[in-house]
Amino acid sequence: MLIRNLALVFVSLFITVKGFADSIYLKNRFNDSKKGDFFIIAQKGNATLFHINSKDTDHMLIEEIAFPLSEVNPKNTDWHTWVTKRALGHTSWIFSNIDLHSGAVIESYSFVHNAYLNRQDDFDFFTTLMNLKFEEIPNNKRRKVGNPPPKEEPDMRNCWIPPLPKILKVKHPKISVYKARWPKDGSDIANKVLEVYFLDTLYFPVWIEVKGAPIKAKLHIIDCGQNLVSPKTTLPLSPLYFVQAPKVLKEKIVLTLPKIQTDDYACYITDDTSMHKIAFTSQNDSLGTHIHIAISDINKFNIKRLRLLIISKSHPEKCIESDILKLE
């Protein structure tokens, strides 16, 4: 879980603006990335290729292909060819749909298991990460190279620079470092300090480190590039279902669905002889998306026994209808 969550840190750090400040929030809107960008991060004997499969003003589809370094040698791998040929040696292949306004993971699909994933732990981690305030570490507080000087002498040591892949190496790289402390939430990295290293020419980190006993972990970029094309281009239609039974309350009816992009959905009321479009509001939480339909709006149609129908605008075949609901 720790490795998976640290990988999500790299994804979330895409959602920052280019150019650095004294502090940054990772929920800042995505800026300079583009479709086809990719990077490979490594942690111990494993690596993951992250690819921006598609992107528009509201959403981004991230492709994650994990593999053991014992099976795929980065030094002699052409990543464009490897992905095109179905990523021989991969252990997982996941699509994650991300809302660029909130930074939330909307849904994830595994092509290895041919199923949508219920990764609530990942979703909660991502939400917390989006709201962390990362503060810049000044040069005099950064990790240094070599042994410290005697107390009476000034510290003239150079700041440590993480190892960079060949494609990113420059003579005098300019690095900015930020840190944040994870809240005490009972997770593997609760109350640990996260340090992230940015190269000034890139919008994603080249190194991330979790500090604090008993867990220490590091991930770093080993390669990156552009114009990657994947044989997989879209998410299969996710199933639509009621997470819990519809609730008829005094002032509203509440339908709870898996998390959805509500701007792509319409709600209709029907009594089996007629059907009317009806307005709704929504709210997201750990259960999913709650659709709220006001009783006052339903009463305009003078219907006391009704069904509610939720339909996707972009994929009308993706829909769900409630059983008969009775109003008081």
Protein backbone atom coordinates (compact mmCIF):
# COMPACT_ATOMS: atom_id res chain seq x y z
CA MET A 1 0.00 0.00 0.00
CA LEU A 2 2.84 2.39 0.82
CA ILE A 3 4.45 2.00 -2.61
CA ARG A 4 1.08 2.43 -4.33
CA ASN A 5 0.35 5.59 -2.33
CA LEU A 6 3.76 7.08 -3.06
CA ALA A 7 3.12 6.48 -6.73
CA LEU A 8 -0.08 8.49 -6.37
CA VAL A 9 2.01 11.31 -4.94
CA PHE A 10 3.80 11.51 -8.27
CA VAL A 11 0.49 11.66 -10.11
CA SER A 12 -0.86 14.34 -7.80
CA LEU A 13 2.25 16.43 -8.20
CA PHE A 14 1.31 16.71 -11.85
CA ILE A 15 -1.57 18.82 -10.56
CA THR A 16 0.59 21.82 -9.68
CA VAL A 17 1.40 24.95 -11.61
CA LYS A 18 4.76 25.30 -13.29
CA GLY A 19 7.10 27.70 -11.53
CA PHE A 20 7.72 27.51 -7.81
CA ALA A 21 6.70 29.53 -4.79
CA ASP A 22 7.35 29.48 -1.03
CA SER A 23 4.49 27.02 -0.66
CA ILE A 24 2.31 24.94 -2.96
CA TYR A 25 -0.97 23.04 -2.70
CA LEU A 26 -1.23 19.96 -4.86
CA LYS A 27 -4.89 20.67 -5.56
CA ASN A 28 -3.82 23.54 -7.82
CA ARG A 29 -5.07 23.02 -11.30
CA PHE A 30 -3.11 21.05 -13.80
CA ASN A 31 -1.18 23.33 -16.13
CA ASP A 32 1.62 22.37 -18.49
CA SER A 33 1.19 18.65 -19.07
CA LYS A 34 -0.15 17.33 -22.33
CA LYS A 35 -1.44 14.14 -23.83
CA GLY A 36 1.37 11.68 -24.51
CA ASP A 37 3.64 12.79 -21.66
CA PHE A 38 5.02 9.87 -19.67
CA PHE A 39 7.52 9.11 -16.94
CA ILE A 40 8.84 6.01 -15.20
CA ILE A 41 9.34 5.94 -11.46
CA ALA A 42 11.22 3.27 -9.53
CA GLN A 43 11.13 2.03 -5.96
CA LYS A 44 13.51 -0.78 -5.02
CA GLY A 45 12.99 -3.56 -7.58
CA ASN A 46 9.77 -2.28 -9.12
CA ALA A 47 8.79 0.51 -11.49
CA THR A 48 5.65 2.09 -12.93
CA LEU A 49 5.16 3.89 -16.22
CA PHE A 50 2.71 6.79 -15.85
CA HIS A 51 1.20 8.08 -19.08
CA ILE A 52 -1.25 10.92 -19.70
CA ASN A 53 -3.51 8.96 -22.00
CA SER A 54 -5.93 11.83 -22.58
CA LYS A 55 -6.74 15.22 -21.13
CA ASP A 56 -9.32 17.98 -21.50
CA THR A 57 -10.18 21.05 -19.45
CA ASP A 58 -11.97 19.02 -16.78
CA HIS A 59 -10.52 15.52 -16.68
CA MET A 60 -7.34 13.57 -17.21
CA LEU A 61 -6.96 9.86 -17.89
CA ILE A 62 -3.78 8.50 -16.29
CA GLU A 63 -2.42 5.14 -17.41
CA GLU A 64 -0.29 3.17 -14.94
CA ILE A 65 1.71 0.16 -16.08
CA ALA A 66 3.68 -1.55 -13.32
CA PHE A 67 6.50 -4.01 -13.87
CA PRO A 68 9.44 -5.61 -12.01
CA LEU A 69 12.84 -4.27 -13.06
CA SER A 70 14.04 -7.86 -13.24
CA GLU A 71 11.71 -8.39 -16.22
CA VAL A 72 12.09 -5.05 -18.03
CA ASN A 73 15.48 -3.34 -18.29
CA PRO A 74 15.00 0.45 -18.63
CA LYS A 75 18.48 0.89 -20.13
CA ASN A 76 17.62 -0.91 -23.33
CA THR A 77 13.83 -0.40 -23.53
CA ASP A 78 12.14 1.86 -26.04
CA TRP A 79 9.02 2.76 -24.09
CA HIS A 80 6.96 3.71 -27.13
CA THR A 81 7.56 0.28 -28.67
CA TRP A 82 7.13 -1.54 -25.35
CA VAL A 83 3.69 -0.04 -24.70
CA THR A 84 2.58 -0.50 -28.30
CA LYS A 85 3.48 -4.21 -28.02
CA ARG A 86 1.28 -4.61 -24.92
CA ALA A 87 4.00 -3.99 -22.30
CA LEU A 88 5.56 -7.45 -22.10
CA GLY A 89 6.36 -8.32 -18.48
CA HIS A 90 3.85 -5.96 -16.84
CA THR A 91 2.11 -6.99 -13.62
CA SER A 92 -0.68 -4.40 -13.61
CA TRP A 93 -2.25 -2.00 -16.10
CA ILE A 94 -4.65 0.56 -14.67
CA PHE A 95 -6.57 3.56 -15.97
CA SER A 96 -7.53 6.27 -13.46
CA ASN A 97 -9.92 9.09 -14.34
CA ILE A 98 -8.99 12.28 -12.45
CA ASP A 99 -11.06 15.42 -11.95
CA LEU A 100 -8.67 18.30 -12.62
CA HIS A 101 -10.71 20.82 -10.63
CA SER A 102 -10.74 18.88 -7.37
CA GLY A 103 -7.83 16.52 -7.94
CA ALA A 104 -10.11 13.59 -7.03
CA VAL A 105 -9.81 10.11 -8.52
CA ILE A 106 -13.25 9.45 -9.99
CA GLU A 107 -12.77 5.82 -11.00
CA SER A 108 -10.06 3.26 -11.72
CA TYR A 109 -10.11 0.25 -14.02
CA SER A 110 -7.73 -2.74 -14.13
CA PHE A 111 -7.11 -4.25 -17.55
CA VAL A 112 -5.39 -7.21 -15.87
CA HIS A 113 -8.49 -8.09 -13.85
CA ASN A 114 -10.98 -6.65 -16.39
CA ALA A 115 -12.82 -4.91 -13.58
CA TYR A 116 -13.36 -1.53 -11.97
CA LEU A 117 -11.45 -1.18 -8.73
CA ASN A 118 -12.85 -0.18 -5.37
CA ARG A 119 -9.73 1.64 -4.17
CA GLN A 120 -11.24 3.75 -1.40
CA ASP A 121 -7.93 3.80 0.49
CA ASP A 122 -6.27 5.31 -2.56
CA PHE A 123 -9.10 7.81 -3.03
CA ASP A 124 -8.89 8.94 0.62
CA PHE A 125 -5.10 9.21 0.35
CA PHE A 126 -5.44 11.33 -2.76
CA THR A 127 -7.95 13.70 -1.16
CA THR A 128 -5.70 14.23 1.86
CA LEU A 129 -2.72 14.79 -0.39
CA MET A 130 -4.55 17.44 -2.37
CA ASN A 131 -5.03 19.51 0.78
CA LEU A 132 -1.50 19.31 2.16
CA LYS A 133 0.44 22.54 2.17
CA PHE A 134 4.01 21.96 0.97
CA GLU A 135 6.54 24.52 2.22
CA GLU A 136 9.80 25.22 0.42
CA ILE A 137 12.94 24.13 2.25
CA PRO A 138 15.57 26.94 2.15
CA ASN A 139 19.05 26.03 0.95
CA ASN A 140 20.59 26.33 4.43
CA LYS A 141 18.16 23.65 5.69
CA ARG A 142 18.54 21.25 2.79
CA ARG A 143 20.49 18.01 2.77
CA LYS A 144 24.19 18.64 2.04
CA VAL A 145 27.00 16.72 0.37
CA GLY A 146 29.88 15.59 2.58
CA ASN A 147 30.64 15.84 6.29
CA PRO A 148 29.55 18.95 8.23
CA PRO A 149 32.26 21.53 9.13
CA PRO A 150 33.26 22.32 12.72
CA LYS A 151 30.69 24.45 14.57
CA GLU A 152 32.79 27.61 14.36
CA GLU A 153 33.16 27.41 10.57
CA PRO A 154 30.54 28.35 7.94
CA ASP A 155 28.91 25.51 6.06
CA MET A 156 30.10 25.80 2.45
CA ARG A 157 28.88 22.38 1.33
CA ASN A 158 26.77 22.02 -1.80
CA CYS A 159 23.13 21.00 -1.55
CA TRP A 160 22.48 17.38 -2.37
CA ILE A 161 20.95 16.77 -5.81
CA PRO A 162 19.08 13.52 -6.45
CA PRO A 163 20.32 11.26 -9.23
CA LEU A 164 18.80 12.26 -12.56
CA PRO A 165 18.18 10.05 -15.59
CA LYS A 166 20.34 10.73 -18.62
CA ILE A 167 17.56 12.54 -20.47
CA LEU A 168 17.29 15.12 -17.64
CA LYS A 169 20.94 15.67 -16.82
CA VAL A 170 22.27 19.21 -17.19
CA LYS A 171 25.52 20.77 -16.04
CA HIS A 172 24.12 22.85 -13.20
CA PRO A 173 20.59 21.59 -12.42
CA LYS A 174 18.38 23.95 -10.44
CA ILE A 175 16.45 22.05 -7.81
CA SER A 176 13.65 23.25 -5.51
CA VAL A 177 12.67 21.16 -2.49
CA TYR A 178 9.36 21.17 -0.59
CA LYS A 179 8.12 19.32 2.47
CA ALA A 180 4.86 18.60 4.26
CA ARG A 181 3.85 16.51 7.27
CA TRP A 182 1.18 13.87 6.79
CA PRO A 183 -1.72 14.04 9.29
CA LYS A 184 -2.13 11.48 12.07
CA ASP A 185 -4.68 9.35 10.24
CA GLY A 186 -3.52 5.84 11.15
CA SER A 187 -2.02 5.22 7.69
CA ASP A 188 1.47 3.87 6.93
CA ILE A 189 2.80 7.41 6.60
CA ALA A 190 0.86 9.06 9.43
CA ASN A 191 2.82 11.98 10.90
CA LYS A 192 5.70 11.36 8.48
CA VAL A 193 7.44 14.13 6.54
CA LEU A 194 7.24 14.04 2.73
CA GLU A 195 10.02 15.76 0.80
CA VAL A 196 9.69 16.36 -2.94
CA TYR A 197 12.41 17.54 -5.33
CA PHE A 198 11.60 19.49 -8.49
CA LEU A 199 13.87 20.26 -11.43
CA ASP A 200 13.01 23.81 -12.51
CA THR A 201 12.37 22.77 -16.11
CA LEU A 202 9.79 20.11 -15.21
CA TYR A 203 6.30 20.17 -13.76
CA PHE A 204 6.67 16.83 -11.98
CA PRO A 205 9.07 15.79 -9.19
CA VAL A 206 12.28 13.91 -9.87
CA TRP A 207 12.52 12.53 -6.33
CA ILE A 208 10.20 11.96 -3.39
CA GLU A 209 11.15 10.73 0.04
CA VAL A 210 9.18 9.79 3.16
CA LYS A 211 11.08 10.40 6.38
CA GLY A 212 10.40 9.14 9.88
CA ALA A 213 11.02 5.84 11.62
CA PRO A 214 10.12 3.06 11.26
CA ILE A 215 9.26 3.73 7.60
CA LYS A 216 11.59 5.32 5.10
CA ALA A 217 10.83 5.17 1.41
CA LYS A 218 12.13 6.77 -1.75
CA LEU A 219 10.90 6.95 -5.32
CA HIS A 220 12.67 8.57 -8.23
CA ILE A 221 12.28 9.10 -11.93
CA ILE A 222 14.43 6.86 -14.11
CA ASP A 223 13.14 8.01 -17.51
CA CYS A 224 10.53 10.24 -19.15
CA GLY A 225 9.39 11.38 -22.56
CA GLN A 226 6.60 12.62 -24.78
CA ASN A 227 4.23 11.54 -27.55
CA LEU A 228 3.54 8.08 -26.15
CA VAL A 229 0.61 6.33 -27.81
CA SER A 230 -1.16 3.49 -26.00
CA PRO A 231 -3.14 0.65 -27.57
CA LYS A 232 -5.73 1.32 -24.86
CA THR A 233 -7.57 4.60 -25.33
CA THR A 234 -10.79 4.58 -23.29
CA LEU A 235 -12.26 3.29 -20.06
CA PRO A 236 -14.89 0.57 -20.45
CA LEU A 237 -18.30 1.71 -19.25
CA SER A 238 -18.42 1.34 -15.48
CA PRO A 239 -21.49 -0.32 -13.97
CA LEU A 240 -24.15 1.95 -12.51
CA TYR A 241 -25.84 0.69 -9.35
CA PHE A 242 -27.36 1.88 -6.11
CA VAL A 243 -24.80 1.77 -3.32
CA GLN A 244 -27.70 1.76 -0.88
CA ALA A 245 -31.47 1.70 -1.21
CA PRO A 246 -33.10 4.98 -2.29
CA LYS A 247 -34.34 7.04 0.68
CA VAL A 248 -37.63 8.95 0.67
CA LEU A 249 -37.23 11.72 3.24
CA LYS A 250 -39.52 14.55 4.26
CA GLU A 251 -38.08 17.12 1.87
CA LYS A 252 -36.12 15.06 -0.66
CA ILE A 253 -35.36 11.70 -2.19
CA VAL A 254 -31.73 10.55 -1.99
CA LEU A 255 -30.17 8.14 -4.49
CA THR A 256 -26.62 6.95 -3.74
CA LEU A 257 -24.48 5.80 -6.68
CA PRO A 258 -20.77 5.06 -7.14
CA LYS A 259 -18.86 8.29 -7.69
CA ILE A 260 -19.91 9.77 -11.04
CA GLN A 261 -19.37 12.97 -13.01
CA THR A 262 -22.81 14.42 -12.38
CA ASP A 263 -22.58 16.95 -15.22
CA ASP A 264 -22.80 13.95 -17.58
CA TYR A 265 -26.04 12.69 -16.06
CA ALA A 266 -29.72 13.59 -16.23
CA CYS A 267 -32.50 12.57 -13.87
CA TYR A 268 -36.07 11.72 -14.90
CA ILE A 269 -39.25 10.98 -12.98
CA THR A 270 -41.74 8.49 -14.38
CA ASP A 271 -45.06 6.91 -13.36
CA ASP A 272 -44.90 4.38 -16.22
CA THR A 273 -47.23 6.50 -18.38
CA SER A 274 -45.13 9.67 -18.67
CA MET A 275 -41.57 10.75 -18.06
CA HIS A 276 -40.30 14.19 -17.03
CA LYS A 277 -36.80 15.56 -16.60
CA ILE A 278 -36.20 16.84 -13.08
CA ALA A 279 -33.45 18.89 -11.46
CA PHE A 280 -31.16 17.46 -8.82
CA THR A 281 -28.22 18.41 -6.64
CA SER A 282 -25.35 16.14 -5.64
CA GLN A 283 -22.82 15.53 -2.91
CA ASN A 284 -19.78 13.23 -2.79
CA ASP A 285 -18.43 11.38 0.22
CA SER A 286 -16.72 8.08 0.98
CA LEU A 287 -19.85 6.12 -0.02
CA GLY A 288 -20.11 7.65 -3.48
CA THR A 289 -22.30 10.31 -5.12
CA HIS A 290 -25.57 11.23 -3.43
CA ILE A 291 -28.26 12.51 -5.82
CA HIS A 292 -30.83 14.76 -4.09
CA ILE A 293 -34.24 15.37 -5.69
CA ALA A 294 -36.47 17.86 -3.89
CA ILE A 295 -39.99 16.69 -3.01
CA SER A 296 -41.26 20.16 -3.94
CA ASP A 297 -40.01 19.60 -7.51
CA ILE A 298 -41.62 16.16 -7.68
CA ASN A 299 -44.96 17.56 -6.46
CA LYS A 300 -45.13 19.80 -9.53
CA PHE A 301 -45.97 16.67 -11.54
CA ASN A 302 -48.65 15.45 -9.09
CA ILE A 303 -47.15 11.96 -8.96
CA LYS A 304 -47.31 9.93 -5.75
CA ARG A 305 -46.05 6.55 -7.01
CA LEU A 306 -42.96 7.03 -9.10
CA ARG A 307 -39.69 5.71 -10.36
CA LEU A 308 -36.50 7.73 -10.76
CA LEU A 309 -34.25 7.17 -13.76
CA ILE A 310 -30.59 8.27 -13.95
CA ILE A 311 -29.11 8.35 -17.49
CA SER A 312 -25.65 9.21 -18.79
CA LYS A 313 -25.80 11.90 -21.49
CA SER A 314 -22.68 10.65 -23.27
CA HIS A 315 -23.59 6.95 -22.96
CA PRO A 316 -27.40 6.61 -22.75
CA GLU A 317 -27.04 2.85 -22.39
CA LYS A 318 -25.50 3.55 -18.96
CA CYS A 319 -28.58 4.08 -16.81
CA ILE A 320 -30.38 2.85 -13.72
CA GLU A 321 -34.00 2.99 -12.58
CA SER A 322 -35.30 2.78 -9.04
CA ASP A 323 -38.12 0.57 -7.85
CA ILE A 324 -41.48 2.25 -7.25
CA LEU A 325 -41.17 4.94 -4.59
CA LYS A 326 -44.20 6.18 -2.66
CA LEU A 327 -44.55 9.73 -1.41
CA GLU A 328 -46.51 10.48 1.75
